[in-house]
Amino acid sequence: GQFNTDRIEMLIANMAKTEGRTPAEVRSTLEERNPTGRLGEIEEFGFACAWMCSARSSYLTGQNILIDGGMFNSTL
């Protein structure tokens, strides 16, 4: 999933210009595609990274942790 950053704002503006839509329309489309209905905030990514680097994750080994608001859909 996308995060609310300066880069995504630039991409939204470029997509809007290319597609003949407003930036708000493009943003809305991106948000609707995510199960959470929004873009992630960079702080959310930072909190997850900080936890993984902390002693509190000491039992965590060899994992692939997706921080994507549920964009990757999988079941066992």
C-alpha atoms as a PDB file:
ATOM      1  CA  GLY A   1       0.000   0.000   0.000  1.00  0.00           C
ATOM      2  CA  GLN A   2       1.007   3.558  -0.513  1.00  0.00           C
ATOM      3  CA  PHE A   3       2.078   5.907   2.233  1.00  0.00           C
ATOM      4  CA  ASN A   4       1.198   9.575   2.454  1.00  0.00           C
ATOM      5  CA  THR A   5       4.542  11.113   1.428  1.00  0.00           C
ATOM      6  CA  ASP A   6       5.797  13.932  -0.778  1.00  0.00           C
ATOM      7  CA  ARG A   7       6.589  11.291  -3.405  1.00  0.00           C
ATOM      8  CA  ILE A   8       3.022   9.957  -3.518  1.00  0.00           C
ATOM      9  CA  GLU A   9       1.738  13.533  -3.757  1.00  0.00           C
ATOM     10  CA  MET A  10       3.956  14.051  -6.820  1.00  0.00           C
ATOM     11  CA  LEU A  11       2.768  10.778  -8.345  1.00  0.00           C
ATOM     12  CA  ILE A  12      -0.869  11.699  -7.679  1.00  0.00           C
ATOM     13  CA  ALA A  13      -0.358  15.074  -9.380  1.00  0.00           C
ATOM     14  CA  ASN A  14       1.296  13.404 -12.393  1.00  0.00           C
ATOM     15  CA  MET A  15      -1.423  10.756 -12.651  1.00  0.00           C
ATOM     16  CA  ALA A  16      -4.118  13.423 -12.436  1.00  0.00           C
ATOM     17  CA  LYS A  17      -2.522  15.419 -15.233  1.00  0.00           C
ATOM     18  CA  THR A  18      -2.021  12.333 -17.428  1.00  0.00           C
ATOM     19  CA  GLU A  19      -5.530  10.984 -16.822  1.00  0.00           C
ATOM     20  CA  GLY A  20      -7.362  14.324 -16.985  1.00  0.00           C
ATOM     21  CA  ARG A  21      -8.631  14.015 -13.422  1.00  0.00           C
ATOM     22  CA  THR A  22      -8.201  16.066 -10.295  1.00  0.00           C
ATOM     23  CA  PRO A  23      -5.611  15.071  -7.687  1.00  0.00           C
ATOM     24  CA  ALA A  24      -8.483  14.506  -5.232  1.00  0.00           C
ATOM     25  CA  GLU A  25     -10.065  11.997  -7.624  1.00  0.00           C
ATOM     26  CA  VAL A  26      -6.788  10.105  -8.046  1.00  0.00           C
ATOM     27  CA  ARG A  27      -6.191  10.083  -4.281  1.00  0.00           C
ATOM     28  CA  SER A  28      -9.718   8.806  -3.713  1.00  0.00           C
ATOM     29  CA  THR A  29      -9.131   5.964  -6.176  1.00  0.00           C
ATOM     30  CA  LEU A  30      -5.921   4.954  -4.409  1.00  0.00           C
ATOM     31  CA  GLU A  31      -7.642   5.072  -1.025  1.00  0.00           C
ATOM     32  CA  GLU A  32     -10.590   3.005  -2.262  1.00  0.00           C
ATOM     33  CA  ARG A  33      -8.226   0.268  -3.471  1.00  0.00           C
ATOM     34  CA  ASN A  34      -6.825  -0.207   0.022  1.00  0.00           C
ATOM     35  CA  PRO A  35      -8.877  -2.286   2.485  1.00  0.00           C
ATOM     36  CA  THR A  36      -8.333   0.370   5.160  1.00  0.00           C
ATOM     37  CA  GLY A  37      -9.813   3.008   2.853  1.00  0.00           C
ATOM     38  CA  ARG A  38      -6.837   5.333   3.238  1.00  0.00           C
ATOM     39  CA  LEU A  39      -3.147   5.808   2.579  1.00  0.00           C
ATOM     40  CA  GLY A  40      -0.727   4.879   5.311  1.00  0.00           C
ATOM     41  CA  GLU A  41       0.978   7.539   7.382  1.00  0.00           C
ATOM     42  CA  ILE A  42       4.765   7.515   7.413  1.00  0.00           C
ATOM     43  CA  GLU A  43       4.694   7.420  11.227  1.00  0.00           C
ATOM     44  CA  GLU A  44       2.935   4.046  11.047  1.00  0.00           C
ATOM     45  CA  PHE A  45       5.805   2.687   8.977  1.00  0.00           C
ATOM     46  CA  GLY A  46       8.302   4.202  11.404  1.00  0.00           C
ATOM     47  CA  PHE A  47       6.578   2.679  14.438  1.00  0.00           C
ATOM     48  CA  ALA A  48       6.741  -0.781  12.859  1.00  0.00           C
ATOM     49  CA  CYS A  49      10.419  -0.336  11.946  1.00  0.00           C
ATOM     50  CA  ALA A  50      11.259   0.924  15.425  1.00  0.00           C
ATOM     51  CA  TRP A  51       9.542  -2.090  16.981  1.00  0.00           C
ATOM     52  CA  MET A  52      11.403  -4.521  14.709  1.00  0.00           C
ATOM     53  CA  CYS A  53      14.714  -2.898  15.719  1.00  0.00           C
ATOM     54  CA  SER A  54      13.880  -2.954  19.413  1.00  0.00           C
ATOM     55  CA  ALA A  55      14.469  -5.567  22.092  1.00  0.00           C
ATOM     56  CA  ARG A  56      10.706  -6.158  22.146  1.00  0.00           C
ATOM     57  CA  SER A  57      10.970  -8.040  18.857  1.00  0.00           C
ATOM     58  CA  SER A  58      13.826 -10.263  20.065  1.00  0.00           C
ATOM     59  CA  TYR A  59      11.899 -13.466  19.303  1.00  0.00           C
ATOM     60  CA  LEU A  60      11.163 -12.353  15.736  1.00  0.00           C
ATOM     61  CA  THR A  61      13.346 -14.108  13.162  1.00  0.00           C
ATOM     62  CA  GLY A  62      13.233 -14.479   9.394  1.00  0.00           C
ATOM     63  CA  GLN A  63       9.912 -12.780   8.828  1.00  0.00           C
ATOM     64  CA  ASN A  64       8.419 -10.874   5.927  1.00  0.00           C
ATOM     65  CA  ILE A  65       6.193  -8.274   7.537  1.00  0.00           C
ATOM     66  CA  LEU A  66       3.909  -6.417   5.166  1.00  0.00           C
ATOM     67  CA  ILE A  67       3.067  -2.881   6.201  1.00  0.00           C
ATOM     68  CA  ASP A  68       0.503  -2.233   3.501  1.00  0.00           C
ATOM     69  CA  GLY A  69      -2.917  -1.677   5.063  1.00  0.00           C
ATOM     70  CA  GLY A  70      -4.100  -5.076   3.855  1.00  0.00           C
ATOM     71  CA  MET A  71      -3.277  -4.583   0.160  1.00  0.00           C
ATOM     72  CA  PHE A  72      -1.691  -8.037  -0.046  1.00  0.00           C
ATOM     73  CA  ASN A  73      -4.554 -10.490   0.214  1.00  0.00           C
ATOM     74  CA  SER A  74      -3.615 -14.034   1.206  1.00  0.00           C
ATOM     75  CA  THR A  75      -5.018 -16.955   3.100  1.00  0.00           C
ATOM     76  CA  LEU A  76      -3.491 -20.204   4.269  1.00  0.00           C
END
